[in-house]
C-alpha cells in the first residue's frame, strides 16, 4: 500500500511514495522484467533531459489528483521508471539488465522459428533408437554421449527432445543405463514412414481431381 504525496523540494513533480506494509519491490534480478522505457514511451537512447520532460508530462496527466485522466497504478509505474532512469549510475545498471532481457527475447524468438526444424530432428533421433533396437535386440540401448555425437546438436536441445520422447512413452531406460525405443516408439516410426510412402504414392498416382480426392487419407501428424 502506497500513500502518495505531491511535490518535494528538488523535484516538484515527483511524488514521494511512503511504504506501509507493502510487499517487497522487485529488483532487476527478478524474473519479471519491466521495460521502463516502454512505460515512459521513450527510446532507450533518450537523453536525461528528454526523460525528465517526458516524465513530467505523463506525471501531470496520470497523477491520482488529475481527475478524469488520473491513474494511480500507471502513475506508480511512471515514478518507478523515472527513479531508475534519472540517475546515471542506476540507469547504467538498468540498461545492462535491459540489454540482457532483449537478448533473451531474441533467443526465445529464434526458438519459436526453429519449431519446424525440431520436428525433423525428433524424427531423426527416434529413427536412431529404432535402428539400434532393430540391429541388436540384446543391447538395444544407446548412451546420451553416443547420441550427442551422432546427432550433432547441443546437449540442452537433445535433453528437450529426450524429455518429449519420455513423456510420450517412446523411449525407456535400460537396466544397464542406456536409452532404448519402446514398442510405442516403434509404432510411431513405422506409422510415420508408412505415411511418407503413401504421400509419395499419392503424388505419383495423381492425374485428375477425382483421383486426388480418392487419395486424401487422413495422415498421422509429424513427430512434433
Protein backbone atom coordinates (compact mmCIF):
# COMPACT_ATOMS: atom_id res chain seq x y z
CA UNK A 1 0.00 0.00 0.00
CA UNK A 2 1.44 3.40 -1.05
CA UNK A 3 0.47 6.83 0.26
CA UNK A 4 1.04 9.43 -2.46
CA UNK A 5 2.37 12.92 -1.66
CA UNK A 6 2.60 15.63 -4.32
CA UNK A 7 5.85 17.55 -4.56
CA UNK A 8 9.21 17.73 -2.88
CA UNK A 9 11.97 20.34 -2.63
CA UNK A 10 14.14 19.24 -5.56
CA UNK A 11 11.56 17.87 -7.97
CA UNK A 12 8.09 19.38 -7.58
CA UNK A 13 6.61 16.85 -10.00
CA UNK A 14 7.95 13.80 -8.17
CA UNK A 15 5.61 12.05 -5.83
CA UNK A 16 7.06 10.68 -2.61
CA UNK A 17 5.97 7.11 -2.09
CA UNK A 18 5.54 6.22 1.54
CA UNK A 19 5.52 2.48 2.11
CA UNK A 20 3.15 0.93 4.58
CA UNK A 21 3.37 -2.86 4.97
CA UNK A 22 3.97 -3.09 1.24
CA UNK A 23 5.28 -6.22 -0.44
CA UNK A 24 8.96 -6.26 -1.37
CA UNK A 25 9.67 -4.43 -4.63
CA UNK A 26 11.06 -6.46 -7.46
CA UNK A 27 14.63 -5.73 -8.41
CA UNK A 28 16.34 -6.15 -11.76
CA UNK A 29 17.49 -9.64 -10.83
CA UNK A 30 13.91 -10.91 -10.53
CA UNK A 31 12.49 -12.95 -13.37
CA UNK A 32 9.81 -10.36 -14.15
CA UNK A 33 11.43 -7.55 -16.11
CA UNK A 34 9.67 -4.20 -16.56
CA UNK A 35 10.55 -2.12 -19.63
CA UNK A 36 10.82 1.35 -18.09
CA UNK A 37 11.46 2.91 -21.50
CA UNK A 38 8.14 1.49 -22.65
CA UNK A 39 6.45 2.82 -19.51
CA UNK A 40 7.72 6.33 -20.28
CA UNK A 41 7.18 5.84 -24.05
CA UNK A 42 10.82 6.65 -24.74
CA UNK A 43 13.65 5.32 -26.84
CA UNK A 44 16.47 3.60 -24.89
CA UNK A 45 18.78 6.25 -26.32
CA UNK A 46 16.75 9.15 -24.88
CA UNK A 47 18.75 11.89 -23.16
CA UNK A 48 18.34 12.68 -19.47
CA UNK A 49 16.61 15.94 -20.45
CA UNK A 50 14.09 14.03 -22.56
CA UNK A 51 13.47 11.57 -19.73
CA UNK A 52 12.85 14.47 -17.34
CA UNK A 53 10.43 16.32 -19.63
CA UNK A 54 8.56 13.19 -20.68
CA UNK A 55 8.16 12.09 -17.07
CA UNK A 56 6.74 15.48 -16.09
CA UNK A 57 4.26 15.37 -18.96
CA UNK A 58 2.97 11.90 -18.05
CA UNK A 59 3.09 12.53 -14.30
CA UNK A 60 0.84 15.55 -14.66
CA UNK A 61 -1.62 13.57 -16.76
CA UNK A 62 -1.80 10.39 -14.68
CA UNK A 63 -1.42 11.76 -11.16
CA UNK A 64 -4.25 10.43 -8.93
CA UNK A 65 -5.44 14.01 -8.38
CA UNK A 66 -5.64 14.75 -12.12
CA UNK A 67 -9.35 14.00 -12.37
CA UNK A 68 -10.57 12.03 -15.38
CA UNK A 69 -7.07 11.16 -16.60
CA UNK A 70 -5.77 10.15 -13.17
CA UNK A 71 -4.46 6.59 -12.89
CA UNK A 72 -2.74 5.61 -9.60
CA UNK A 73 -1.33 2.33 -10.92
CA UNK A 74 0.13 3.86 -14.07
CA UNK A 75 1.42 6.81 -12.07
CA UNK A 76 3.22 4.45 -9.71
CA UNK A 77 4.92 2.73 -12.66
CA UNK A 78 5.96 6.12 -14.04
CA UNK A 79 7.60 7.03 -10.74
CA UNK A 80 9.43 3.69 -10.64
CA UNK A 81 10.64 4.16 -14.20
CA UNK A 82 11.79 7.72 -13.61
CA UNK A 83 13.56 6.76 -10.40
CA UNK A 84 15.53 4.07 -12.24
CA UNK A 85 16.43 6.23 -15.24
CA UNK A 86 17.05 9.72 -13.86
CA UNK A 87 20.27 8.75 -12.06
CA UNK A 88 23.25 7.91 -14.36
CA UNK A 89 24.51 5.09 -12.13
CA UNK A 90 21.09 3.48 -11.71
CA UNK A 91 20.38 3.91 -15.41
CA UNK A 92 23.62 2.18 -16.37
CA UNK A 93 22.69 -0.79 -14.18
CA UNK A 94 19.20 -0.86 -15.63
CA UNK A 95 20.47 -0.62 -19.21
CA UNK A 96 22.68 -3.67 -18.62
CA UNK A 97 19.63 -5.63 -17.45
CA UNK A 98 17.62 -4.21 -20.35
CA UNK A 99 20.18 -5.46 -22.88
CA UNK A 100 20.21 -8.92 -21.29
CA UNK A 101 16.43 -9.08 -21.47
CA UNK A 102 16.46 -8.10 -25.15
CA UNK A 103 18.97 -10.86 -25.89
CA UNK A 104 16.79 -13.37 -24.04
CA UNK A 105 13.78 -12.30 -26.09
CA UNK A 106 15.68 -12.68 -29.35
CA UNK A 107 16.78 -16.14 -28.24
CA UNK A 108 13.17 -17.06 -27.49
CA UNK A 109 12.01 -15.86 -30.92
CA UNK A 110 14.76 -17.91 -32.54
CA UNK A 111 13.45 -20.95 -30.65
CA UNK A 112 9.94 -20.33 -31.96
CA UNK A 113 11.21 -20.14 -35.54
CA UNK A 114 13.06 -23.46 -35.06
CA UNK A 115 9.85 -25.42 -34.32
CA UNK A 116 9.68 -26.90 -37.82
CA UNK A 117 13.32 -27.98 -37.59
CA UNK A 118 12.57 -29.67 -34.26
CA UNK A 119 10.08 -31.98 -35.98
CA UNK A 120 12.78 -33.15 -38.38
CA UNK A 121 15.34 -33.57 -35.59
CA UNK A 122 12.92 -35.62 -33.49
CA UNK A 123 12.18 -37.93 -36.38
CA UNK A 124 15.89 -38.49 -36.99
CA UNK A 125 16.54 -39.02 -33.30
CA UNK A 126 13.78 -41.57 -32.81
CA UNK A 127 14.90 -43.30 -36.01
CA UNK A 128 18.35 -43.80 -34.46
CA UNK A 129 16.84 -45.58 -31.47
CA UNK A 130 14.68 -47.63 -33.84
CA UNK A 131 17.69 -48.68 -35.91
CA UNK A 132 19.68 -49.66 -32.80
CA UNK A 133 16.93 -51.93 -31.44
CA UNK A 134 16.42 -53.49 -34.88
CA UNK A 135 20.16 -54.08 -35.19
CA UNK A 136 20.78 -55.57 -31.74
CA UNK A 137 17.85 -56.81 -29.65
CA UNK A 138 20.22 -57.95 -26.87
CA UNK A 139 21.71 -54.47 -26.47
CA UNK A 140 19.05 -52.11 -27.84
CA UNK A 141 20.09 -49.05 -25.85
CA UNK A 142 22.22 -46.03 -26.70
CA UNK A 143 24.04 -43.74 -24.26
CA UNK A 144 23.43 -40.00 -24.29
CA UNK A 145 27.04 -39.25 -25.25
CA UNK A 146 26.78 -41.57 -28.24
CA UNK A 147 23.53 -39.95 -29.33
CA UNK A 148 25.05 -36.46 -28.97
CA UNK A 149 27.92 -37.45 -31.24
CA UNK A 150 25.56 -38.91 -33.82
CA UNK A 151 23.03 -36.04 -33.83
CA UNK A 152 25.48 -33.12 -33.63
CA UNK A 153 23.05 -30.96 -31.65
CA UNK A 154 23.54 -29.06 -28.36
CA UNK A 155 23.09 -31.08 -25.17
CA UNK A 156 20.27 -28.77 -24.00
CA UNK A 157 18.31 -29.35 -27.21
CA UNK A 158 18.87 -33.09 -27.02
CA UNK A 159 17.55 -33.13 -23.46
CA UNK A 160 14.40 -31.34 -24.66
CA UNK A 161 13.73 -33.98 -27.31
CA UNK A 162 14.53 -36.83 -24.90
CA UNK A 163 12.08 -35.37 -22.42
CA UNK A 164 9.41 -35.31 -25.12
CA UNK A 165 10.08 -38.95 -26.02
CA UNK A 166 9.91 -40.00 -22.35
CA UNK A 167 6.60 -38.18 -21.85
CA UNK A 168 5.17 -39.86 -24.96
CA UNK A 169 6.42 -43.26 -23.81
CA UNK A 170 8.55 -43.72 -26.94
CA UNK A 171 11.83 -44.46 -25.13
CA UNK A 172 12.79 -46.11 -21.86
CA UNK A 173 15.94 -46.50 -19.80
CA UNK A 174 17.52 -49.96 -19.83
CA UNK A 175 18.67 -51.55 -16.56
CA UNK A 176 22.27 -51.01 -17.68
CA UNK A 177 21.69 -47.26 -18.16
CA UNK A 178 21.31 -46.53 -21.91
CA UNK A 179 18.05 -45.43 -23.53
CA UNK A 180 16.11 -47.61 -25.97
CA UNK A 181 12.98 -47.29 -28.08
CA UNK A 182 9.73 -48.83 -26.82
CA UNK A 183 7.05 -50.63 -28.81
CA UNK A 184 5.12 -47.34 -28.87
CA UNK A 185 8.16 -45.63 -30.38
CA UNK A 186 8.46 -48.36 -32.99
CA UNK A 187 4.78 -47.91 -33.87
CA UNK A 188 5.33 -44.16 -34.23
CA UNK A 189 8.29 -44.54 -36.57
CA UNK A 190 6.60 -47.18 -38.73
CA UNK A 191 3.36 -45.19 -38.93
CA UNK A 192 5.33 -42.11 -39.92
CA UNK A 193 7.26 -44.00 -42.60
CA UNK A 194 4.04 -45.55 -43.87
CA UNK A 195 2.53 -42.08 -44.23
CA UNK A 196 5.58 -40.83 -46.11
CA UNK A 197 5.36 -43.79 -48.51
CA UNK A 198 1.65 -43.18 -49.03
CA UNK A 199 2.27 -39.49 -49.69
CA UNK A 200 4.83 -40.38 -52.34
CA UNK A 201 2.46 -42.88 -53.93
CA UNK A 202 -0.34 -40.31 -53.97
CA UNK A 203 1.85 -37.73 -55.70
CA UNK A 204 2.90 -40.24 -58.34
CA UNK A 205 -0.64 -41.52 -58.92
CA UNK A 206 -2.24 -38.07 -59.01
CA UNK A 207 -3.58 -37.49 -62.51
CA UNK A 208 -7.01 -35.86 -62.04
CA UNK A 209 -9.07 -34.06 -59.39
CA UNK A 210 -11.19 -37.20 -58.83
CA UNK A 211 -8.11 -39.33 -58.26
CA UNK A 212 -6.72 -36.63 -55.99
CA UNK A 213 -9.81 -36.74 -53.80
CA UNK A 214 -9.68 -40.54 -53.56
CA UNK A 215 -6.17 -40.46 -52.12
CA UNK A 216 -6.73 -37.81 -49.43
CA UNK A 217 -6.43 -40.20 -46.49
CA UNK A 218 -6.02 -38.80 -43.02
CA UNK A 219 -2.31 -38.54 -42.27
CA UNK A 220 -0.69 -39.13 -38.92
CA UNK A 221 0.95 -35.86 -37.80
CA UNK A 222 4.72 -35.45 -37.76
CA UNK A 223 6.68 -36.04 -34.57
CA UNK A 224 6.02 -32.56 -33.17
